[in-house]
Amino acid sequence: VVPGETALAFYKAKNPTDKPIIGIATYNVVPFEAGQYFNKIQCFCFEEQRLNPQEEVDMPVFFYIDPEFAEDPKMAKVDLITLSYTFFEAKEGQKLPLPGYQ
């Protein structure tokens, strides 16, 4: 992905059980310092997702890397940014905190 250009990625999720699951995904950016330059335009994260038994879905993430990434001397040796997701089964009444908010 070229900094400043938008990109679309898909993450595959599968419910291997015989019961419906409602879950919430959180994300992580590595290296941590590059996270400030990662901007999600549209994402499935932090919203409940229902997966029926044995269902497999592709979940899209529309994003871009801020062009200032290329100007930051601390990012000069960074040539790989990894975006990963963890999918948690939602518990009734439980809310995940949004990153950066207290």
Protein backbone atom coordinates (compact mmCIF):
# COMPACT_ATOMS: atom_id res chain seq x y z
CA VAL A 1 0.00 0.00 0.00
CA VAL A 2 1.39 3.38 -0.99
CA PRO A 3 0.96 6.05 1.73
CA GLY A 4 -1.95 8.33 0.82
CA GLU A 5 -3.69 5.79 -1.43
CA THR A 6 -6.78 3.95 -0.24
CA ALA A 7 -6.80 0.16 -0.05
CA LEU A 8 -9.36 -2.56 0.53
CA ALA A 9 -8.56 -5.76 2.44
CA PHE A 10 -10.77 -8.67 3.42
CA TYR A 11 -10.55 -10.79 6.55
CA LYS A 12 -12.15 -14.22 6.60
CA ALA A 13 -14.12 -15.33 9.65
CA LYS A 14 -15.69 -18.73 10.13
CA ASN A 15 -18.02 -20.06 12.78
CA PRO A 16 -16.96 -23.72 13.09
CA THR A 17 -19.69 -24.50 15.63
CA ASP A 18 -23.27 -25.72 15.30
CA LYS A 19 -24.71 -22.63 17.01
CA PRO A 20 -24.92 -18.97 15.98
CA ILE A 21 -22.21 -16.73 17.41
CA ILE A 22 -22.31 -12.98 17.89
CA GLY A 23 -18.86 -11.51 18.17
CA ILE A 24 -16.86 -8.30 18.15
CA ALA A 25 -13.48 -7.82 16.50
CA THR A 26 -10.68 -5.62 17.81
CA TYR A 27 -7.61 -4.68 15.79
CA ASN A 28 -3.91 -4.26 16.31
CA VAL A 29 -1.26 -2.51 14.19
CA VAL A 30 2.40 -3.57 14.31
CA PRO A 31 4.80 -1.88 14.68
CA PHE A 32 2.92 0.04 17.33
CA GLU A 33 4.48 3.38 16.28
CA ALA A 34 2.99 3.04 12.79
CA GLY A 35 -0.53 2.83 14.24
CA GLN A 36 -0.86 6.61 14.33
CA TYR A 37 -0.63 6.64 10.53
CA PHE A 38 -3.16 3.85 9.93
CA ASN A 39 -6.62 5.25 9.14
CA LYS A 40 -9.71 3.07 8.76
CA ILE A 41 -12.39 4.56 6.52
CA GLN A 42 -14.78 1.65 6.92
CA CYS A 43 -14.31 -1.35 9.18
CA PHE A 44 -16.26 -4.18 10.76
CA CYS A 45 -14.39 -3.81 14.04
CA PHE A 46 -16.11 -2.79 17.28
CA GLU A 47 -19.51 -3.70 15.82
CA GLU A 48 -21.30 -6.92 16.66
CA GLN A 49 -21.17 -9.49 13.87
CA ARG A 50 -23.46 -12.52 13.74
CA LEU A 51 -22.13 -15.71 12.22
CA ASN A 52 -24.55 -18.57 11.71
CA PRO A 53 -23.47 -22.19 12.27
CA GLN A 54 -20.68 -23.18 9.85
CA GLU A 55 -20.93 -19.77 8.13
CA GLU A 56 -17.81 -18.25 6.60
CA VAL A 57 -17.75 -14.56 5.66
CA ASP A 58 -15.31 -12.06 4.19
CA MET A 59 -15.26 -8.83 6.18
CA PRO A 60 -13.91 -5.73 4.41
CA VAL A 61 -11.62 -3.02 5.75
CA PHE A 62 -11.23 0.16 3.69
CA PHE A 63 -8.18 2.13 4.83
CA TYR A 64 -5.17 4.28 3.99
CA ILE A 65 -1.77 5.06 5.44
CA ASP A 66 -1.37 8.78 6.15
CA PRO A 67 1.11 10.32 3.66
CA GLU A 68 3.00 11.82 6.63
CA PHE A 69 4.19 8.26 7.35
CA ALA A 70 6.73 8.66 4.51
CA GLU A 71 8.03 11.93 6.00
CA ASP A 72 8.53 10.65 9.56
CA PRO A 73 12.23 9.82 10.14
CA LYS A 74 11.20 7.29 12.83
CA MET A 75 9.38 5.30 10.14
CA ALA A 76 12.31 5.29 7.67
CA LYS A 77 13.15 1.62 8.32
CA VAL A 78 9.54 0.46 8.48
CA ASP A 79 8.62 -1.29 5.26
CA LEU A 80 5.94 -3.62 6.66
CA ILE A 81 2.85 -2.76 8.67
CA THR A 82 0.73 -5.65 9.93
CA LEU A 83 -2.96 -5.21 10.66
CA SER A 84 -4.48 -8.07 12.64
CA TYR A 85 -7.86 -8.75 14.21
CA THR A 86 -9.03 -10.78 17.17
CA PHE A 87 -12.65 -11.91 17.15
CA PHE A 88 -14.25 -12.25 20.60
CA GLU A 89 -17.62 -13.78 21.33
CA ALA A 90 -19.84 -10.98 22.62
CA LYS A 91 -21.27 -11.31 26.10
CA GLU A 92 -24.71 -9.86 26.71
CA GLY A 93 -24.45 -6.34 28.13
CA GLN A 94 -20.66 -6.20 27.68
CA LYS A 95 -19.22 -3.28 25.72
CA LEU A 96 -15.62 -3.09 24.51
CA PRO A 97 -13.83 0.20 25.13
CA LEU A 98 -12.97 2.18 22.02
CA PRO A 99 -9.22 2.74 21.60
CA GLY A 100 -8.03 6.17 22.59
CA TYR A 101 -11.09 6.90 24.74
CA GLN A 102 -11.34 6.59 28.48
